[in-house]
Amino acid sequence: MTFLLKCPLDAEMKTKTVALSLGLILAAAALYAANPMEGTWKLNESKSKLTRGTTKNTKVVYDSKRLGMGRWDVTGEGLDADGKPVHSEWKGKFDGKDYEVTGDPNSDMRSYTKVNDQTLNITVKKGGKVTATGRIAVSADGKSRVVTLNGTTAKGKKFSNTAVYDKG
């Protein structure tokens, strides 16, 4: 005949282990979801100042979850300088290195450099030449962001754009 002895500490240890595990899971989830760049951003045209003849991204999605390992997938939907639909995609890290862009008639490489949790610097290149530089800044409440971009169009015209996006 086998007897099982129950120790009063077993129940207490199980409760502490479950509570600690749950706390760690919730903390990790909060950190993972707290990145202010993450999500879908929609252009607020009434607050934006865009130079005629430049690409207008009406929706941009920043996704760090799909690729993992600190890599981001940034997709843009909008209209090119001639009013034709464009869909661009960039996959890379916010480490200041150049990563390929597909679908953008004005760039083939792009780099993002993290300034802080709510700010990125961006450099846009076409054929190895810098065509634009700028900054992306998410508001303190995380509900909007401003993208300032200065550069030269494919036709050689200088531009200065300020695009305001709302989280949506």
N, C-alpha and C. Protein backbone atom coordinates (compact mmCIF):
# COMPACT_ATOMS: atom_id res chain seq x y z
N MET A 1 0.84 -1.16 0.00
CA MET A 1 0.00 0.00 0.00
C MET A 1 0.90 1.24 0.00
N THR A 2 0.56 2.17 -0.88
CA THR A 2 1.36 3.38 -1.01
C THR A 2 0.60 4.54 -0.41
N PHE A 3 1.32 5.31 0.37
CA PHE A 3 0.73 6.50 0.99
C PHE A 3 1.40 7.75 0.43
N LEU A 4 0.59 8.70 0.06
CA LEU A 4 1.11 9.98 -0.39
C LEU A 4 0.99 10.99 0.73
N LEU A 5 2.07 11.59 1.04
CA LEU A 5 2.05 12.62 2.07
C LEU A 5 2.00 13.98 1.38
N LYS A 6 1.12 14.81 1.80
CA LYS A 6 1.01 16.16 1.24
C LYS A 6 1.70 17.14 2.17
N CYS A 7 2.54 17.90 1.58
CA CYS A 7 3.24 18.93 2.33
C CYS A 7 2.46 20.23 2.19
N PRO A 8 2.20 20.96 3.25
CA PRO A 8 1.46 22.20 3.16
C PRO A 8 2.17 23.25 2.30
N LEU A 9 3.45 23.11 2.11
CA LEU A 9 4.18 24.06 1.29
C LEU A 9 3.94 23.85 -0.20
N ASP A 10 3.53 22.65 -0.61
CA ASP A 10 3.29 22.37 -2.03
C ASP A 10 2.28 23.34 -2.63
N ALA A 11 1.16 23.53 -1.99
CA ALA A 11 0.11 24.41 -2.51
C ALA A 11 0.61 25.85 -2.57
N GLU A 12 1.34 26.26 -1.53
CA GLU A 12 1.86 27.61 -1.49
C GLU A 12 2.89 27.83 -2.60
N MET A 13 3.76 26.86 -2.86
CA MET A 13 4.77 26.96 -3.91
C MET A 13 4.11 27.01 -5.29
N LYS A 14 3.07 26.20 -5.50
CA LYS A 14 2.36 26.20 -6.77
C LYS A 14 1.72 27.56 -7.02
N THR A 15 1.12 28.13 -6.01
CA THR A 15 0.48 29.44 -6.13
C THR A 15 1.52 30.51 -6.48
N LYS A 16 2.66 30.49 -5.80
CA LYS A 16 3.71 31.46 -6.08
C LYS A 16 4.28 31.28 -7.48
N THR A 17 4.47 30.04 -7.90
CA THR A 17 5.01 29.77 -9.24
C THR A 17 4.05 30.25 -10.32
N VAL A 18 2.77 29.97 -10.14
CA VAL A 18 1.77 30.41 -11.11
C VAL A 18 1.70 31.94 -11.14
N ALA A 19 1.71 32.57 -9.98
CA ALA A 19 1.64 34.03 -9.92
C ALA A 19 2.86 34.67 -10.57
N LEU A 20 4.05 34.12 -10.30
CA LEU A 20 5.28 34.64 -10.89
C LEU A 20 5.27 34.46 -12.41
N SER A 21 4.86 33.30 -12.87
CA SER A 21 4.79 33.03 -14.32
C SER A 21 3.81 33.98 -15.00
N LEU A 22 2.66 34.15 -14.41
CA LEU A 22 1.65 35.04 -14.98
C LEU A 22 2.16 36.48 -15.02
N GLY A 23 2.82 36.90 -13.97
CA GLY A 23 3.38 38.25 -13.92
C GLY A 23 4.42 38.47 -15.01
N LEU A 24 5.29 37.50 -15.23
CA LEU A 24 6.30 37.61 -16.27
C LEU A 24 5.68 37.64 -17.67
N ILE A 25 4.66 36.84 -17.89
CA ILE A 25 3.97 36.83 -19.18
C ILE A 25 3.31 38.17 -19.45
N LEU A 26 2.63 38.71 -18.44
CA LEU A 26 1.96 40.01 -18.61
C LEU A 26 2.96 41.13 -18.83
N ALA A 27 4.08 41.09 -18.13
CA ALA A 27 5.11 42.13 -18.30
C ALA A 27 5.71 42.06 -19.70
N ALA A 28 5.99 40.85 -20.17
CA ALA A 28 6.54 40.69 -21.52
C ALA A 28 5.53 41.16 -22.57
N ALA A 29 4.28 40.84 -22.39
CA ALA A 29 3.24 41.26 -23.34
C ALA A 29 3.12 42.78 -23.36
N ALA A 30 3.19 43.40 -22.21
CA ALA A 30 3.09 44.87 -22.14
C ALA A 30 4.27 45.52 -22.85
N LEU A 31 5.47 45.00 -22.66
CA LEU A 31 6.63 45.55 -23.34
C LEU A 31 6.55 45.33 -24.84
N TYR A 32 6.07 44.17 -25.24
CA TYR A 32 5.98 43.83 -26.65
C TYR A 32 4.96 44.70 -27.36
N ALA A 33 3.86 44.98 -26.70
CA ALA A 33 2.79 45.77 -27.32
C ALA A 33 3.01 47.28 -27.17
N ALA A 34 3.97 47.66 -26.36
CA ALA A 34 4.12 49.07 -26.02
C ALA A 34 4.94 49.87 -27.03
N ASN A 35 5.47 49.24 -28.08
CA ASN A 35 6.29 49.98 -29.03
C ASN A 35 5.43 50.99 -29.77
N PRO A 36 5.72 52.28 -29.62
CA PRO A 36 4.86 53.31 -30.21
C PRO A 36 4.87 53.33 -31.74
N MET A 37 5.87 52.76 -32.40
CA MET A 37 5.92 52.73 -33.86
C MET A 37 4.94 51.70 -34.43
N GLU A 38 4.69 50.66 -33.67
CA GLU A 38 3.88 49.52 -34.11
C GLU A 38 2.46 49.94 -34.50
N GLY A 39 1.95 49.38 -35.59
CA GLY A 39 0.55 49.58 -35.92
C GLY A 39 0.31 50.19 -37.29
N THR A 40 -0.94 50.51 -37.51
CA THR A 40 -1.39 51.09 -38.77
C THR A 40 -1.56 52.59 -38.60
N TRP A 41 -1.00 53.35 -39.55
CA TRP A 41 -1.03 54.82 -39.51
C TRP A 41 -1.70 55.31 -40.78
N LYS A 42 -2.70 56.17 -40.61
CA LYS A 42 -3.44 56.72 -41.76
C LYS A 42 -3.17 58.21 -41.89
N LEU A 43 -2.90 58.63 -43.13
CA LEU A 43 -2.57 60.03 -43.41
C LEU A 43 -3.74 60.95 -43.07
N ASN A 44 -3.44 62.01 -42.33
CA ASN A 44 -4.41 63.06 -42.05
C ASN A 44 -4.04 64.21 -43.00
N GLU A 45 -4.68 64.21 -44.18
CA GLU A 45 -4.32 65.18 -45.22
C GLU A 45 -4.54 66.63 -44.80
N SER A 46 -5.57 66.87 -43.99
CA SER A 46 -5.86 68.25 -43.60
C SER A 46 -4.76 68.85 -42.72
N LYS A 47 -3.99 68.02 -42.03
CA LYS A 47 -2.91 68.51 -41.18
C LYS A 47 -1.54 68.41 -41.85
N SER A 48 -1.48 67.80 -43.02
CA SER A 48 -0.22 67.56 -43.71
C SER A 48 0.08 68.64 -44.73
N LYS A 49 1.37 68.81 -45.02
CA LYS A 49 1.83 69.74 -46.05
C LYS A 49 2.75 68.95 -46.98
N LEU A 50 2.18 68.55 -48.14
CA LEU A 50 2.90 67.71 -49.08
C LEU A 50 3.18 68.46 -50.37
N THR A 51 4.39 68.34 -50.87
CA THR A 51 4.79 68.98 -52.10
C THR A 51 4.18 68.24 -53.28
N ARG A 52 3.57 68.99 -54.17
CA ARG A 52 3.01 68.39 -55.39
C ARG A 52 4.12 67.68 -56.16
N GLY A 53 3.79 66.51 -56.70
CA GLY A 53 4.77 65.75 -57.47
C GLY A 53 5.58 64.77 -56.66
N THR A 54 5.20 64.58 -55.38
CA THR A 54 5.87 63.57 -54.54
C THR A 54 4.87 62.48 -54.19
N THR A 55 5.40 61.31 -53.80
CA THR A 55 4.55 60.20 -53.41
C THR A 55 3.80 60.54 -52.14
N LYS A 56 2.53 60.17 -52.10
CA LYS A 56 1.70 60.41 -50.92
C LYS A 56 1.30 59.05 -50.35
N ASN A 57 1.91 58.68 -49.21
CA ASN A 57 1.54 57.44 -48.53
C ASN A 57 0.30 57.70 -47.68
N THR A 58 -0.81 57.08 -48.06
CA THR A 58 -2.06 57.30 -47.34
C THR A 58 -2.21 56.36 -46.15
N LYS A 59 -1.49 55.23 -46.20
CA LYS A 59 -1.53 54.28 -45.09
C LYS A 59 -0.16 53.62 -44.98
N VAL A 60 0.36 53.55 -43.75
CA VAL A 60 1.63 52.89 -43.50
C VAL A 60 1.44 51.95 -42.32
N VAL A 61 1.97 50.73 -42.45
CA VAL A 61 1.86 49.74 -41.38
C VAL A 61 3.26 49.34 -40.92
N TYR A 62 3.51 49.47 -39.62
CA TYR A 62 4.76 49.05 -39.00
C TYR A 62 4.47 47.79 -38.19
N ASP A 63 5.14 46.68 -38.56
CA ASP A 63 4.90 45.40 -37.90
C ASP A 63 6.23 44.78 -37.49
N SER A 64 6.43 44.61 -36.19
CA SER A 64 7.66 43.99 -35.70
C SER A 64 7.40 42.56 -35.25
N LYS A 65 6.17 42.15 -35.20
CA LYS A 65 5.83 40.83 -34.67
C LYS A 65 6.00 39.72 -35.71
N ARG A 66 5.69 40.00 -36.96
CA ARG A 66 5.70 38.97 -37.99
C ARG A 66 7.11 38.44 -38.26
N LEU A 67 8.10 39.33 -38.32
CA LEU A 67 9.46 38.91 -38.64
C LEU A 67 10.28 38.54 -37.42
N GLY A 68 10.02 39.19 -36.27
CA GLY A 68 10.75 38.90 -35.04
C GLY A 68 12.22 39.31 -35.11
N MET A 69 12.98 38.98 -34.08
CA MET A 69 14.42 39.20 -34.01
C MET A 69 14.81 40.67 -34.24
N GLY A 70 13.97 41.61 -33.82
CA GLY A 70 14.26 43.03 -33.97
C GLY A 70 14.07 43.57 -35.37
N ARG A 71 13.51 42.72 -36.25
CA ARG A 71 13.27 43.14 -37.64
C ARG A 71 11.86 43.68 -37.78
N TRP A 72 11.72 44.64 -38.68
CA TRP A 72 10.44 45.29 -38.93
C TRP A 72 10.00 45.07 -40.36
N ASP A 73 8.71 45.05 -40.57
CA ASP A 73 8.11 45.01 -41.90
C ASP A 73 7.30 46.31 -42.00
N VAL A 74 7.73 47.20 -42.89
CA VAL A 74 7.05 48.48 -43.06
C VAL A 74 6.44 48.50 -44.47
N THR A 75 5.12 48.58 -44.54
CA THR A 75 4.45 48.62 -45.84
C THR A 75 3.72 49.95 -45.99
N GLY A 76 3.71 50.44 -47.20
CA GLY A 76 3.05 51.70 -47.49
C GLY A 76 2.09 51.56 -48.65
N GLU A 77 0.96 52.22 -48.56
CA GLU A 77 -0.03 52.28 -49.63
C GLU A 77 -0.25 53.75 -49.94
N GLY A 78 -0.38 54.08 -51.20
CA GLY A 78 -0.63 55.47 -51.53
C GLY A 78 -0.66 55.72 -53.02
N LEU A 79 -0.23 56.95 -53.37
CA LEU A 79 -0.26 57.39 -54.76
C LEU A 79 1.10 57.97 -55.12
N ASP A 80 1.59 57.63 -56.32
CA ASP A 80 2.87 58.19 -56.76
C ASP A 80 2.66 59.61 -57.28
N ALA A 81 3.71 60.20 -57.81
CA ALA A 81 3.67 61.59 -58.28
C ALA A 81 2.64 61.81 -59.39
N ASP A 82 2.31 60.75 -60.14
CA ASP A 82 1.32 60.85 -61.23
C ASP A 82 -0.08 60.43 -60.80
N GLY A 83 -0.26 60.14 -59.51
CA GLY A 83 -1.58 59.74 -59.01
C GLY A 83 -1.89 58.27 -59.17
N LYS A 84 -0.90 57.46 -59.54
CA LYS A 84 -1.10 56.02 -59.70
C LYS A 84 -0.86 55.33 -58.35
N PRO A 85 -1.63 54.26 -58.07
CA PRO A 85 -1.46 53.54 -56.80
C PRO A 85 -0.07 52.91 -56.67
N VAL A 86 0.48 52.98 -55.47
CA VAL A 86 1.76 52.32 -55.16
C VAL A 86 1.62 51.52 -53.87
N HIS A 87 2.39 50.45 -53.82
CA HIS A 87 2.48 49.61 -52.62
C HIS A 87 3.97 49.33 -52.42
N SER A 88 4.53 49.84 -51.35
CA SER A 88 5.95 49.63 -51.08
C SER A 88 6.13 48.76 -49.85
N GLU A 89 7.29 48.10 -49.80
CA GLU A 89 7.58 47.25 -48.65
C GLU A 89 9.07 47.32 -48.32
N TRP A 90 9.35 47.43 -47.03
CA TRP A 90 10.71 47.48 -46.51
C TRP A 90 10.79 46.52 -45.34
N LYS A 91 11.82 45.71 -45.32
CA LYS A 91 12.06 44.79 -44.19
C LYS A 91 13.47 45.02 -43.69
N GLY A 92 13.60 45.29 -42.39
CA GLY A 92 14.93 45.51 -41.84
C GLY A 92 14.87 45.89 -40.38
N LYS A 93 15.99 46.37 -39.89
CA LYS A 93 16.11 46.79 -38.50
C LYS A 93 16.31 48.30 -38.45
N PHE A 94 16.02 48.87 -37.32
CA PHE A 94 16.23 50.30 -37.10
C PHE A 94 17.66 50.51 -36.60
N ASP A 95 18.63 50.10 -37.41
CA ASP A 95 20.03 50.12 -37.01
C ASP A 95 20.91 51.02 -37.88
N GLY A 96 20.29 51.83 -38.74
CA GLY A 96 21.06 52.75 -39.58
C GLY A 96 21.65 52.12 -40.83
N LYS A 97 21.44 50.82 -41.03
CA LYS A 97 21.95 50.15 -42.23
C LYS A 97 20.91 50.19 -43.33
N ASP A 98 21.38 50.16 -44.58
CA ASP A 98 20.47 50.15 -45.73
C ASP A 98 19.84 48.78 -45.91
N TYR A 99 18.51 48.80 -46.14
CA TYR A 99 17.77 47.58 -46.47
C TYR A 99 16.92 47.89 -47.70
N GLU A 100 16.69 46.85 -48.49
CA GLU A 100 15.98 47.01 -49.76
C GLU A 100 14.53 47.46 -49.58
N VAL A 101 14.09 48.30 -50.51
CA VAL A 101 12.69 48.73 -50.62
C VAL A 101 12.17 48.17 -51.93
N THR A 102 10.97 47.62 -51.90
CA THR A 102 10.34 47.19 -53.15
C THR A 102 9.05 47.98 -53.35
N GLY A 103 8.73 48.25 -54.61
CA GLY A 103 7.47 48.91 -54.95
C GLY A 103 7.47 50.42 -54.88
N ASP A 104 8.56 51.04 -54.48
CA ASP A 104 8.62 52.50 -54.39
C ASP A 104 9.39 53.03 -55.59
N PRO A 105 8.74 53.81 -56.46
CA PRO A 105 9.43 54.31 -57.65
C PRO A 105 10.56 55.29 -57.33
N ASN A 106 10.58 55.83 -56.12
CA ASN A 106 11.58 56.84 -55.76
C ASN A 106 12.74 56.32 -54.92
N SER A 107 12.69 55.05 -54.53
CA SER A 107 13.79 54.52 -53.71
C SER A 107 13.94 53.02 -53.91
N ASP A 108 15.18 52.57 -53.69
CA ASP A 108 15.44 51.13 -53.71
C ASP A 108 16.10 50.66 -52.41
N MET A 109 16.54 51.63 -51.60
CA MET A 109 17.13 51.32 -50.29
C MET A 109 16.64 52.37 -49.30
N ARG A 110 16.54 51.92 -48.05
CA ARG A 110 16.11 52.84 -47.00
C ARG A 110 16.78 52.39 -45.70
N SER A 111 17.13 53.35 -44.87
CA SER A 111 17.64 53.03 -43.54
C SER A 111 16.91 53.85 -42.50
N TYR A 112 16.67 53.22 -41.36
CA TYR A 112 16.07 53.88 -40.21
C TYR A 112 17.08 53.81 -39.07
N THR A 113 17.22 54.90 -38.34
CA THR A 113 18.07 54.93 -37.16
C THR A 113 17.21 55.35 -35.98
N LYS A 114 17.21 54.52 -34.95
CA LYS A 114 16.42 54.82 -33.75
C LYS A 114 17.10 55.93 -32.96
N VAL A 115 16.37 57.01 -32.73
CA VAL A 115 16.86 58.12 -31.91
C VAL A 115 16.47 57.85 -30.46
N ASN A 116 15.19 57.50 -30.26
CA ASN A 116 14.67 57.08 -28.96
C ASN A 116 13.42 56.26 -29.25
N ASP A 117 12.67 55.87 -28.22
CA ASP A 117 11.51 54.98 -28.42
C ASP A 117 10.44 55.58 -29.32
N GLN A 118 10.40 56.90 -29.45
CA GLN A 118 9.34 57.53 -30.23
C GLN A 118 9.83 58.27 -31.46
N THR A 119 11.13 58.16 -31.75
CA THR A 119 11.68 58.92 -32.87
C THR A 119 12.65 58.09 -33.69
N LEU A 120 12.51 58.19 -35.02
CA LEU A 120 13.42 57.54 -35.96
C LEU A 120 13.93 58.58 -36.95
N ASN A 121 15.18 58.45 -37.36
CA ASN A 121 15.69 59.19 -38.51
C ASN A 121 15.62 58.25 -39.69
N ILE A 122 15.38 58.79 -40.89
CA ILE A 122 15.24 57.98 -42.08
C ILE A 122 16.11 58.56 -43.20
N THR A 123 16.75 57.65 -43.95
CA THR A 123 17.50 58.03 -45.14
C THR A 123 16.99 57.19 -46.30
N VAL A 124 16.65 57.85 -47.39
CA VAL A 124 16.09 57.20 -48.57
C VAL A 124 17.12 57.30 -49.70
N LYS A 125 17.34 56.18 -50.42
CA LYS A 125 18.32 56.17 -51.50
C LYS A 125 17.73 55.55 -52.77
N LYS A 126 18.26 55.99 -53.88
CA LYS A 126 17.92 55.43 -55.20
C LYS A 126 19.24 55.33 -55.98
N GLY A 127 19.58 54.09 -56.39
CA GLY A 127 20.83 53.90 -57.13
C GLY A 127 22.06 54.30 -56.35
N GLY A 128 22.04 54.14 -55.03
CA GLY A 128 23.18 54.48 -54.19
C GLY A 128 23.27 55.94 -53.79
N LYS A 129 22.39 56.76 -54.31
CA LYS A 129 22.41 58.21 -54.03
C LYS A 129 21.30 58.56 -53.04
N VAL A 130 21.62 59.36 -52.03
CA VAL A 130 20.62 59.82 -51.07
C VAL A 130 19.66 60.77 -51.78
N THR A 131 18.37 60.44 -51.73
CA THR A 131 17.36 61.29 -52.37
C THR A 131 16.50 62.02 -51.35
N ALA A 132 16.50 61.54 -50.11
CA ALA A 132 15.72 62.21 -49.07
C ALA A 132 16.21 61.79 -47.69
N THR A 133 16.02 62.68 -46.73
CA THR A 133 16.29 62.39 -45.32
C THR A 133 15.15 62.97 -44.50
N GLY A 134 14.97 62.43 -43.34
CA GLY A 134 13.89 62.96 -42.52
C GLY A 134 13.83 62.34 -41.14
N ARG A 135 12.70 62.60 -40.50
CA ARG A 135 12.47 62.16 -39.12
C ARG A 135 11.03 61.72 -38.96
N ILE A 136 10.83 60.68 -38.18
CA ILE A 136 9.50 60.18 -37.84
C ILE A 136 9.37 60.29 -36.32
N ALA A 137 8.37 61.02 -35.86
CA ALA A 137 8.20 61.24 -34.42
C ALA A 137 6.76 60.92 -34.02
N VAL A 138 6.63 59.96 -33.09
CA VAL A 138 5.32 59.59 -32.56
C VAL A 138 5.02 60.48 -31.36
N SER A 139 3.79 60.95 -31.27
CA SER A 139 3.38 61.82 -30.17
C SER A 139 3.47 61.08 -28.83
N ALA A 140 3.51 61.83 -27.75
CA ALA A 140 3.62 61.25 -26.41
C ALA A 140 2.46 60.30 -26.10
N ASP A 141 1.27 60.62 -26.59
CA ASP A 141 0.12 59.74 -26.32
C ASP A 141 0.02 58.57 -27.29
N GLY A 142 0.90 58.53 -28.30
CA GLY A 142 0.93 57.41 -29.24
C GLY A 142 -0.19 57.38 -30.26
N LYS A 143 -0.96 58.46 -30.35
CA LYS A 143 -2.12 58.48 -31.25
C LYS A 143 -1.84 59.10 -32.61
N SER A 144 -0.71 59.79 -32.74
CA SER A 144 -0.37 60.41 -34.02
C SER A 144 1.14 60.41 -34.19
N ARG A 145 1.55 60.68 -35.42
CA ARG A 145 2.98 60.79 -35.69
C ARG A 145 3.18 61.78 -36.83
N VAL A 146 4.34 62.40 -36.84
CA VAL A 146 4.69 63.37 -37.87
C VAL A 146 5.93 62.85 -38.60
N VAL A 147 5.83 62.83 -39.92
CA VAL A 147 6.95 62.42 -40.76
C VAL A 147 7.40 63.63 -41.55
N THR A 148 8.62 64.10 -41.30
CA THR A 148 9.19 65.19 -42.08
C THR A 148 10.22 64.58 -43.02
N LEU A 149 10.12 64.94 -44.28
CA LEU A 149 11.01 64.37 -45.29
C LEU A 149 11.43 65.48 -46.25
N ASN A 150 12.73 65.62 -46.43
CA ASN A 150 13.29 66.63 -47.33
C ASN A 150 14.18 65.93 -48.33
N GLY A 151 14.05 66.34 -49.60
CA GLY A 151 14.88 65.70 -50.60
C GLY A 151 14.68 66.28 -51.98
N THR A 152 14.96 65.44 -52.98
CA THR A 152 14.86 65.82 -54.37
C THR A 152 14.03 64.78 -55.11
N THR A 153 13.07 65.21 -55.91
CA THR A 153 12.23 64.29 -56.69
C THR A 153 13.05 63.68 -57.83
N ALA A 154 12.45 62.68 -58.49
CA ALA A 154 13.10 62.04 -59.64
C ALA A 154 13.36 63.05 -60.76
N LYS A 155 12.58 64.14 -60.78
CA LYS A 155 12.74 65.18 -61.81
C LYS A 155 13.69 66.29 -61.38
N GLY A 156 14.35 66.10 -60.21
CA GLY A 156 15.34 67.07 -59.75
C GLY A 156 14.80 68.22 -58.95
N LYS A 157 13.52 68.21 -58.63
CA LYS A 157 12.90 69.30 -57.87
C LYS A 157 13.05 69.03 -56.36
N LYS A 158 13.49 70.06 -55.64
CA LYS A 158 13.61 69.92 -54.19
C LYS A 158 12.22 69.92 -53.56
N PHE A 159 12.07 69.13 -52.48
CA PHE A 159 10.78 69.10 -51.78
C PHE A 159 11.00 69.05 -50.28
N SER A 160 9.96 69.46 -49.56
CA SER A 160 9.92 69.40 -48.10
C SER A 160 8.50 69.01 -47.71
N ASN A 161 8.34 67.81 -47.21
CA ASN A 161 7.02 67.30 -46.84
C ASN A 161 6.90 67.13 -45.33
N THR A 162 5.74 67.46 -44.82
CA THR A 162 5.37 67.16 -43.44
C THR A 162 4.05 66.41 -43.49
N ALA A 163 4.12 65.13 -43.20
CA ALA A 163 2.93 64.27 -43.25
C ALA A 163 2.52 63.91 -41.82
N VAL A 164 1.26 64.14 -41.50
CA VAL A 164 0.72 63.82 -40.18
C VAL A 164 -0.14 62.58 -40.32
N TYR A 165 0.10 61.59 -39.48
CA TYR A 165 -0.64 60.34 -39.50
C TYR A 165 -1.34 60.12 -38.17
N ASP A 166 -2.53 59.55 -38.24
CA ASP A 166 -3.27 59.15 -37.04
C ASP A 166 -3.23 57.64 -36.93
N LYS A 167 -3.14 57.15 -35.70
CA LYS A 167 -3.15 55.70 -35.48
C LYS A 167 -4.53 55.20 -35.79
N GLY A 168 -4.61 54.14 -36.56
CA GLY A 168 -5.93 53.64 -36.91
C GLY A 168 -5.89 52.27 -37.29
